[in-house]
Protein backbone atom coordinates (compact mmCIF):
# COMPACT_ATOMS: atom_id res chain seq x y z
CA MET A 1 37.87 135.45 71.14
CA ILE A 2 38.07 131.45 71.20
CA SER A 3 40.50 130.05 68.41
CA PHE A 4 40.66 126.50 67.42
CA GLU A 5 41.65 123.89 64.91
CA VAL A 6 40.22 120.99 63.81
CA ASN A 7 41.30 117.49 63.48
CA GLN A 8 38.21 115.65 61.33
CA GLN A 9 39.44 112.00 60.78
CA ILE A 10 35.37 111.03 59.47
CA GLY A 11 32.57 111.99 57.85
CA HIS A 12 31.51 114.68 55.59
CA LYS A 13 33.62 117.56 56.40
CA ILE A 14 31.93 120.18 58.74
CA SER A 15 33.20 123.80 57.49
CA LEU A 16 35.17 126.15 59.82
CA LEU A 17 32.49 128.65 59.44
CA LYS A 18 30.08 126.81 61.43
CA TRP A 19 32.72 125.96 64.34
CA ARG A 20 33.47 129.49 64.37
CA GLN A 21 29.65 130.45 64.67
CA TRP A 22 29.04 127.96 67.20
CA LEU A 23 32.13 129.03 69.44
CA LYS A 24 30.90 132.39 69.07
CA LYS A 25 27.69 131.79 70.41
CA ILE A 26 29.59 130.21 73.63
CA GLU A 27 31.92 133.19 74.05
CA GLN A 28 29.09 135.72 73.82
CA THR A 29 26.63 133.80 75.76
CA LEU A 30 29.32 132.90 78.42
CA LYS A 31 30.93 136.16 78.36
CA ILE A 32 34.38 135.32 78.00
CA LYS A 33 36.56 138.11 77.42
CA LYS A 34 40.00 136.48 77.78
CA PRO A 35 41.20 134.85 74.52
CA LEU A 36 41.12 131.10 74.41
CA GLU A 37 42.29 128.10 72.41
CA ILE A 38 40.78 124.73 71.96
CA SER A 39 41.27 121.48 69.92
CA LEU A 40 38.35 119.77 68.01
CA GLY A 41 38.40 116.26 67.04
CA ILE A 42 35.94 114.73 65.04
CA VAL A 43 36.57 110.67 65.02
CA GLY A 44 35.01 107.49 64.65
CA GLU A 45 33.35 104.80 67.05
CA ALA A 46 36.62 102.93 67.35
CA ALA A 47 39.00 105.96 68.37
CA ILE A 48 36.52 107.25 71.03
CA LYS A 49 35.67 103.87 72.57
CA LYS A 50 39.54 103.57 72.74
CA LEU A 51 39.93 106.79 74.20
CA ASN A 52 36.68 106.05 76.62
CA ARG A 53 38.52 102.96 77.76
CA VAL A 54 41.61 104.26 78.01
CA TYR A 55 41.06 107.43 79.65
CA ARG A 56 37.48 106.74 81.93
CA ALA A 57 37.96 103.23 82.24
CA LYS A 58 34.45 102.79 80.08
CA ASN A 59 34.86 100.13 77.41
CA GLN A 60 32.01 101.95 75.43
CA THR A 61 31.31 104.68 72.69
CA THR A 62 30.12 107.80 73.63
CA ASP A 63 29.30 111.19 72.08
CA VAL A 64 31.98 113.71 73.22
CA LEU A 65 35.15 113.45 75.22
CA SER A 66 37.03 116.63 76.95
CA PHE A 67 40.42 116.45 77.92
CA GLY A 68 41.53 119.60 79.73
CA GLU A 69 44.98 121.05 79.17
CA ILE A 70 45.35 120.58 83.45
CA ASP A 71 44.75 116.76 82.60
CA SER A 72 47.31 116.59 79.55
CA ILE A 73 50.38 114.35 80.69
CA VAL A 74 52.63 115.58 77.76
CA LYS A 75 53.81 119.14 78.28
CA ILE A 76 56.09 120.29 75.91
CA GLY A 77 57.71 123.51 76.94
CA GLN A 78 55.65 126.15 79.01
CA PRO A 79 52.07 125.49 78.89
CA ASN A 80 49.88 127.85 76.71
CA LYS A 81 48.12 129.69 79.59
CA ASN A 82 45.05 130.36 76.78
CA TYR A 83 44.87 126.79 75.92
CA LEU A 84 41.90 124.99 77.23
CA GLY A 85 42.13 121.48 76.18
CA GLU A 86 40.77 119.00 73.71
CA ILE A 87 37.17 118.42 72.52
CA ILE A 88 36.44 115.09 70.76
CA ILE A 89 33.31 114.44 69.15
CA CYS A 90 32.63 110.70 67.53
CA TYR A 91 30.57 111.69 64.37
CA PRO A 92 29.08 108.35 64.08
CA GLN A 93 27.26 108.90 67.44
CA ALA A 94 26.13 112.48 66.64
CA LEU A 95 24.61 111.32 63.80
CA LYS A 96 22.56 108.61 66.06
CA GLN A 97 21.45 111.04 68.39
CA ALA A 98 20.10 113.62 66.11
CA LYS A 99 17.93 111.17 64.12
CA THR A 100 16.91 109.87 67.75
CA ALA A 101 16.59 113.62 68.89
CA GLY A 102 14.68 114.31 65.37
CA HIS A 103 16.68 117.58 64.68
CA SER A 104 19.24 118.43 62.84
CA PHE A 105 22.96 116.96 62.44
CA ASP A 106 24.15 120.60 62.95
CA SER A 107 22.19 121.06 66.08
CA GLU A 108 23.46 117.98 67.40
CA LEU A 109 26.99 118.99 66.69
CA GLU A 110 26.44 122.31 68.51
CA LEU A 111 25.32 120.17 71.57
CA LEU A 112 28.12 118.09 71.91
CA LEU A 113 30.66 121.11 71.36
CA THR A 114 28.90 123.12 73.82
CA HIS A 115 28.59 120.20 76.34
CA GLY A 116 32.67 119.54 75.92
CA PHE A 117 33.30 123.24 76.36
CA LEU A 118 31.43 123.37 79.10
CA HIS A 119 33.29 120.57 80.85
CA LEU A 120 36.53 122.37 79.68
CA LEU A 121 35.49 125.22 81.83
CA GLY A 122 35.29 122.73 84.69
CA HIS A 123 31.51 121.88 84.66
CA ASP A 124 30.51 118.38 85.23
CA HIS A 125 27.12 116.65 85.62
CA GLN A 126 27.66 113.84 88.21
CA LYS A 127 25.25 114.97 90.74
CA ALA A 128 21.56 115.90 89.97
CA LYS A 129 22.43 119.92 90.59
CA GLU A 130 25.33 120.00 88.62
CA ALA A 131 23.90 118.10 85.90
CA LYS A 132 21.07 121.34 85.85
CA ILE A 133 23.51 124.02 86.28
CA MET A 134 25.22 122.37 83.09
CA ARG A 135 21.85 121.91 81.31
CA GLU A 136 20.71 125.30 82.22
CA PHE A 137 24.11 126.91 80.40
CA GLU A 138 24.12 124.49 77.66
CA GLN A 139 19.97 125.47 76.80
CA LYS A 140 21.23 129.34 77.18
CA VAL A 141 23.98 128.68 74.45
CA LEU A 142 21.96 127.20 72.22
CA ASP A 143 19.28 129.56 72.67
CA PHE A 144 21.46 132.48 72.13
CA HIS A 145 21.28 134.07 68.19
CA LEU A 146 23.98 136.04 67.13
């Protein structure tokens, strides 16, 4: 089971039920058996731009960032072996992308959550082969029906 906490700083409140459903799809599609924990942050453009600049040296807004537990600088006590890390989603960017793609805001959030989660599991898209694998996993999760 994937447990989570949400810190939503901006936008129309996204229900915990939706997050739970999306994470359940990820868990079942990827056949995750181990209990895992993640944190979700929903932020505005200024906040994600700052995080992107500080941690990735890119002074621009982005849609989603993932920070794995192993990347964490500050650790308090013993690290939680089940904690994967944090996924930060930019609410206004997600709205823009949903409109551009012609699908719902919920569909965009599910895509960004899945994308961020795959990063926490170690997937990347720097090379064409890696990007193809990541896109296939994303599509598999998005197509899965509970």
